[in-house]
Amino acid sequence: MLLTSEAKKAIFKKHGQSESNTGHSEGQIAMFTECINHPTEHLKTLKRISLQSVL
């Protein structure tokens, strides 16, 4: 998932001291965590497709 610029600004404002301080390590970690958590939660909701059902 690509984060929108508004979402990035909100993450850096909350964790990185300011919206423009994109180099702050806490902001970077929070952004990467969000990039990992969103697809992980999405994949948990998907039903598994068995190989037999595809063939």
C-alpha atoms as a PDB file:
ATOM      1  CA  MET A   1       0.000   0.000   0.000  1.00  0.00           C
ATOM      2  CA  LEU A   2       1.233   3.424  -0.834  1.00  0.00           C
ATOM      3  CA  LEU A   3       0.643   5.991   1.845  1.00  0.00           C
ATOM      4  CA  THR A   4      -0.919   9.256   0.772  1.00  0.00           C
ATOM      5  CA  SER A   5       0.976  12.430   1.484  1.00  0.00           C
ATOM      6  CA  GLU A   6      -1.666  13.384   4.055  1.00  0.00           C
ATOM      7  CA  ALA A   7      -1.171  10.070   5.870  1.00  0.00           C
ATOM      8  CA  LYS A   8       2.603  10.525   5.848  1.00  0.00           C
ATOM      9  CA  LYS A   9       2.278  14.050   7.219  1.00  0.00           C
ATOM     10  CA  ALA A  10       0.006  12.812  10.005  1.00  0.00           C
ATOM     11  CA  ILE A  11       2.448  10.035  10.927  1.00  0.00           C
ATOM     12  CA  PHE A  12       5.431  12.387  10.974  1.00  0.00           C
ATOM     13  CA  LYS A  13       3.482  15.024  12.909  1.00  0.00           C
ATOM     14  CA  LYS A  14       2.571  12.441  15.546  1.00  0.00           C
ATOM     15  CA  HIS A  15       5.923  10.605  15.731  1.00  0.00           C
ATOM     16  CA  GLY A  16       8.543  12.800  14.081  1.00  0.00           C
ATOM     17  CA  GLN A  17       8.323  16.148  15.894  1.00  0.00           C
ATOM     18  CA  SER A  18       6.853  17.944  12.825  1.00  0.00           C
ATOM     19  CA  GLU A  19       5.311  17.226   9.415  1.00  0.00           C
ATOM     20  CA  SER A  20       8.461  18.267   7.589  1.00  0.00           C
ATOM     21  CA  ASN A  21      10.921  16.316   9.756  1.00  0.00           C
ATOM     22  CA  THR A  22      10.881  13.139   7.662  1.00  0.00           C
ATOM     23  CA  GLY A  23      14.332  12.059   8.784  1.00  0.00           C
ATOM     24  CA  HIS A  24      13.471  11.554  12.447  1.00  0.00           C
ATOM     25  CA  SER A  25      13.933   7.870  13.283  1.00  0.00           C
ATOM     26  CA  GLU A  26      10.693   7.543  15.277  1.00  0.00           C
ATOM     27  CA  GLY A  27       8.722   8.928  12.331  1.00  0.00           C
ATOM     28  CA  GLN A  28      10.481   6.590   9.895  1.00  0.00           C
ATOM     29  CA  ILE A  29       9.768   3.560  12.072  1.00  0.00           C
ATOM     30  CA  ALA A  30       6.113   4.563  12.455  1.00  0.00           C
ATOM     31  CA  MET A  31       5.767   4.965   8.684  1.00  0.00           C
ATOM     32  CA  PHE A  32       7.359   1.594   7.935  1.00  0.00           C
ATOM     33  CA  THR A  33       5.236  -0.056  10.617  1.00  0.00           C
ATOM     34  CA  GLU A  34       2.086   1.310   8.971  1.00  0.00           C
ATOM     35  CA  CYS A  35       3.301   0.069   5.570  1.00  0.00           C
ATOM     36  CA  ILE A  36       3.715  -3.416   7.040  1.00  0.00           C
ATOM     37  CA  ASN A  37       0.584  -3.536   9.200  1.00  0.00           C
ATOM     38  CA  HIS A  38      -1.945  -2.526   6.556  1.00  0.00           C
ATOM     39  CA  PRO A  39      -1.241  -5.367   4.072  1.00  0.00           C
ATOM     40  CA  THR A  40      -0.855  -7.827   6.940  1.00  0.00           C
ATOM     41  CA  GLU A  41      -4.338  -7.031   8.243  1.00  0.00           C
ATOM     42  CA  HIS A  42      -5.739  -7.175   4.716  1.00  0.00           C
ATOM     43  CA  LEU A  43      -4.253 -10.610   4.099  1.00  0.00           C
ATOM     44  CA  LYS A  44      -5.722 -11.903   7.357  1.00  0.00           C
ATOM     45  CA  THR A  45      -9.216 -11.077   6.090  1.00  0.00           C
ATOM     46  CA  LEU A  46      -8.844 -12.904   2.792  1.00  0.00           C
ATOM     47  CA  LYS A  47     -10.042 -16.465   2.504  1.00  0.00           C
ATOM     48  CA  ARG A  48      -7.405 -18.944   1.523  1.00  0.00           C
ATOM     49  CA  ILE A  49      -7.671 -20.368  -1.948  1.00  0.00           C
ATOM     50  CA  SER A  50      -6.756 -24.007  -2.110  1.00  0.00           C
ATOM     51  CA  LEU A  51      -4.863 -25.389  -5.046  1.00  0.00           C
ATOM     52  CA  GLN A  52      -7.638 -27.899  -5.732  1.00  0.00           C
ATOM     53  CA  SER A  53     -10.249 -25.175  -6.134  1.00  0.00           C
ATOM     54  CA  VAL A  54      -8.091 -23.446  -8.725  1.00  0.00           C
ATOM     55  CA  LEU A  55      -7.550 -26.566 -10.811  1.00  0.00           C
END
